Amino acid sequence: MIHAQNLTPTEYPHVVLTQEQVPVIEGTTLKVVELVMAQRAYGWTPEEIQINHRNVSMSQIYAALAYYWDHRSTLDADIQRRENYVKQSEQEHQDSPFVSRLKSQGLLS
């Protein structure tokens, strides 16, 4: 849980930094990188982001996107780190016996 007293304001309205220096949308637990990753994955416009994240205002979305573009190299590195972690985890974990049976029966690829 993100506690308000542990947040540092930024020059961007609606974007604050956690103690770990992770930018989040103020009043939410939504990280700026998570918003950007959703936008990339689904090709969402800011309006579509808002439709899918009703607890986030358009002002918050635009502030988060502005923060991203002004800190793109740092946040892209974080996104890449997250993607690498997922790929590594997938490689390290074998399929469950159930999934293996489904694959052997041609029901999964």
C-alpha atoms as a PDB file:
ATOM      1  CA  MET A   1       0.000   0.000   0.000  1.00  0.00           C
ATOM      2  CA  ILE A   2       1.241   3.483  -0.859  1.00  0.00           C
ATOM      3  CA  HIS A   3       0.979   5.918   2.056  1.00  0.00           C
ATOM      4  CA  ALA A   4       0.573   9.614   1.251  1.00  0.00           C
ATOM      5  CA  GLN A   5       3.093  10.698   3.882  1.00  0.00           C
ATOM      6  CA  ASN A   6       5.788   8.681   2.089  1.00  0.00           C
ATOM      7  CA  LEU A   7       5.289  10.389  -1.295  1.00  0.00           C
ATOM      8  CA  THR A   8       7.414  13.118  -2.831  1.00  0.00           C
ATOM      9  CA  PRO A   9       5.757  15.670  -5.124  1.00  0.00           C
ATOM     10  CA  THR A  10       7.121  16.187  -8.632  1.00  0.00           C
ATOM     11  CA  GLU A  11       6.853  19.162 -10.961  1.00  0.00           C
ATOM     12  CA  TYR A  12       4.037  17.248 -12.663  1.00  0.00           C
ATOM     13  CA  PRO A  13       0.590  17.692 -11.184  1.00  0.00           C
ATOM     14  CA  HIS A  14      -0.909  14.319 -10.220  1.00  0.00           C
ATOM     15  CA  VAL A  15       2.444  12.454 -10.322  1.00  0.00           C
ATOM     16  CA  VAL A  16       4.312  11.666  -7.112  1.00  0.00           C
ATOM     17  CA  LEU A  17       7.337   9.533  -6.275  1.00  0.00           C
ATOM     18  CA  THR A  18       7.307   6.680  -3.790  1.00  0.00           C
ATOM     19  CA  GLN A  19      10.156   6.199  -1.300  1.00  0.00           C
ATOM     20  CA  GLU A  20      11.745   3.960  -3.948  1.00  0.00           C
ATOM     21  CA  GLN A  21      11.523   6.864  -6.455  1.00  0.00           C
ATOM     22  CA  VAL A  22       8.837   5.096  -8.503  1.00  0.00           C
ATOM     23  CA  PRO A  23       6.445   7.572 -10.169  1.00  0.00           C
ATOM     24  CA  VAL A  24       2.792   6.860  -9.414  1.00  0.00           C
ATOM     25  CA  ILE A  25      -0.436   8.690 -10.109  1.00  0.00           C
ATOM     26  CA  GLU A  26      -1.329  10.595  -6.963  1.00  0.00           C
ATOM     27  CA  GLY A  27      -4.226   9.113  -5.021  1.00  0.00           C
ATOM     28  CA  THR A  28      -3.852   5.726  -6.712  1.00  0.00           C
ATOM     29  CA  THR A  29      -1.473   2.773  -6.734  1.00  0.00           C
ATOM     30  CA  LEU A  30      -1.118   2.992 -10.536  1.00  0.00           C
ATOM     31  CA  LYS A  31       2.507   3.368 -11.577  1.00  0.00           C
ATOM     32  CA  VAL A  32       3.307   5.550 -14.575  1.00  0.00           C
ATOM     33  CA  VAL A  33       5.101   2.611 -16.243  1.00  0.00           C
ATOM     34  CA  GLU A  34       2.008   0.418 -15.814  1.00  0.00           C
ATOM     35  CA  LEU A  35      -0.126   3.028 -17.548  1.00  0.00           C
ATOM     36  CA  VAL A  36       2.406   3.297 -20.391  1.00  0.00           C
ATOM     37  CA  MET A  37       2.683  -0.493 -20.708  1.00  0.00           C
ATOM     38  CA  ALA A  38      -1.106  -0.783 -20.987  1.00  0.00           C
ATOM     39  CA  GLN A  39      -1.144   1.951 -23.615  1.00  0.00           C
ATOM     40  CA  ARG A  40       1.538   0.141 -25.627  1.00  0.00           C
ATOM     41  CA  ALA A  41       0.012  -3.313 -25.238  1.00  0.00           C
ATOM     42  CA  TYR A  42      -3.476  -2.297 -26.308  1.00  0.00           C
ATOM     43  CA  GLY A  43      -2.761   0.772 -28.438  1.00  0.00           C
ATOM     44  CA  TRP A  44      -5.085   2.819 -26.237  1.00  0.00           C
ATOM     45  CA  THR A  45      -5.624   6.543 -26.623  1.00  0.00           C
ATOM     46  CA  PRO A  46      -5.703   8.570 -23.386  1.00  0.00           C
ATOM     47  CA  GLU A  47      -9.497   8.445 -23.572  1.00  0.00           C
ATOM     48  CA  GLU A  48      -9.441   4.643 -23.861  1.00  0.00           C
ATOM     49  CA  ILE A  49      -7.064   4.461 -20.900  1.00  0.00           C
ATOM     50  CA  GLN A  50      -9.615   6.426 -18.879  1.00  0.00           C
ATOM     51  CA  ILE A  51     -12.448   4.116 -19.962  1.00  0.00           C
ATOM     52  CA  ASN A  52     -10.408   1.148 -18.713  1.00  0.00           C
ATOM     53  CA  HIS A  53      -9.138   2.891 -15.570  1.00  0.00           C
ATOM     54  CA  ARG A  54     -12.195   4.765 -14.345  1.00  0.00           C
ATOM     55  CA  ASN A  55     -10.531   5.772 -11.078  1.00  0.00           C
ATOM     56  CA  VAL A  56      -7.984   7.859 -13.020  1.00  0.00           C
ATOM     57  CA  SER A  57      -8.946  11.263 -14.436  1.00  0.00           C
ATOM     58  CA  MET A  58      -7.941  12.590 -17.836  1.00  0.00           C
ATOM     59  CA  SER A  59      -5.740  15.175 -16.071  1.00  0.00           C
ATOM     60  CA  GLN A  60      -3.937  12.395 -14.230  1.00  0.00           C
ATOM     61  CA  ILE A  61      -3.469  10.413 -17.444  1.00  0.00           C
ATOM     62  CA  TYR A  62      -2.030  13.355 -19.371  1.00  0.00           C
ATOM     63  CA  ALA A  63       0.266  14.255 -16.456  1.00  0.00           C
ATOM     64  CA  ALA A  64       1.517  10.653 -16.317  1.00  0.00           C
ATOM     65  CA  LEU A  65       2.119  10.605 -20.076  1.00  0.00           C
ATOM     66  CA  ALA A  66       3.970  13.942 -19.887  1.00  0.00           C
ATOM     67  CA  TYR A  67       6.102  12.544 -17.072  1.00  0.00           C
ATOM     68  CA  TYR A  68       6.842   9.468 -19.184  1.00  0.00           C
ATOM     69  CA  TRP A  69       7.919  11.463 -22.234  1.00  0.00           C
ATOM     70  CA  ASP A  70      10.162  13.702 -20.160  1.00  0.00           C
ATOM     71  CA  HIS A  71      11.748  10.680 -18.429  1.00  0.00           C
ATOM     72  CA  ARG A  72      11.476   8.225 -21.279  1.00  0.00           C
ATOM     73  CA  SER A  73      14.930   6.630 -21.152  1.00  0.00           C
ATOM     74  CA  THR A  74      14.686   5.856 -17.427  1.00  0.00           C
ATOM     75  CA  LEU A  75      11.138   4.511 -17.648  1.00  0.00           C
ATOM     76  CA  ASP A  76      11.848   2.531 -20.837  1.00  0.00           C
ATOM     77  CA  ALA A  77      14.720   0.853 -18.976  1.00  0.00           C
ATOM     78  CA  ASP A  78      12.285  -0.056 -16.183  1.00  0.00           C
ATOM     79  CA  ILE A  79       9.789  -1.420 -18.706  1.00  0.00           C
ATOM     80  CA  GLN A  80      12.551  -3.490 -20.341  1.00  0.00           C
ATOM     81  CA  ARG A  81      13.620  -4.810 -16.930  1.00  0.00           C
ATOM     82  CA  ARG A  82      10.030  -5.867 -16.210  1.00  0.00           C
ATOM     83  CA  GLU A  83       9.687  -7.601 -19.590  1.00  0.00           C
ATOM     84  CA  ASN A  84      13.005  -9.415 -19.100  1.00  0.00           C
ATOM     85  CA  TYR A  85      11.883 -10.589 -15.659  1.00  0.00           C
ATOM     86  CA  VAL A  86       8.687 -12.061 -17.121  1.00  0.00           C
ATOM     87  CA  LYS A  87      10.595 -13.821 -19.912  1.00  0.00           C
ATOM     88  CA  GLN A  88      13.146 -15.208 -17.473  1.00  0.00           C
ATOM     89  CA  SER A  89      10.416 -16.408 -15.109  1.00  0.00           C
ATOM     90  CA  GLU A  90       8.617 -18.147 -17.960  1.00  0.00           C
ATOM     91  CA  GLN A  91      11.822 -19.915 -18.983  1.00  0.00           C
ATOM     92  CA  GLU A  92      12.637 -20.998 -15.429  1.00  0.00           C
ATOM     93  CA  HIS A  93       9.242 -22.466 -14.630  1.00  0.00           C
ATOM     94  CA  GLN A  94       8.119 -25.677 -16.213  1.00  0.00           C
ATOM     95  CA  ASP A  95       4.545 -26.369 -17.172  1.00  0.00           C
ATOM     96  CA  SER A  96       2.319 -27.976 -14.588  1.00  0.00           C
ATOM     97  CA  PRO A  97       1.403 -31.637 -15.213  1.00  0.00           C
ATOM     98  CA  PHE A  98      -2.068 -30.502 -16.297  1.00  0.00           C
ATOM     99  CA  VAL A  99      -0.689 -28.053 -18.884  1.00  0.00           C
ATOM    100  CA  SER A 100       1.777 -30.704 -20.100  1.00  0.00           C
ATOM    101  CA  ARG A 101      -1.107 -33.147 -20.678  1.00  0.00           C
ATOM    102  CA  LEU A 102      -3.087 -30.529 -22.580  1.00  0.00           C
ATOM    103  CA  LYS A 103      -0.063 -29.780 -24.764  1.00  0.00           C
ATOM    104  CA  SER A 104       0.574 -33.473 -25.404  1.00  0.00           C
ATOM    105  CA  GLN A 105      -3.056 -33.821 -26.531  1.00  0.00           C
ATOM    106  CA  GLY A 106      -2.671 -30.888 -28.895  1.00  0.00           C
ATOM    107  CA  LEU A 107      -5.123 -28.761 -26.903  1.00  0.00           C
ATOM    108  CA  LEU A 108      -2.505 -26.077 -26.154  1.00  0.00           C
ATOM    109  CA  SER A 109       0.459 -24.897 -28.120  1.00  0.00           C
END
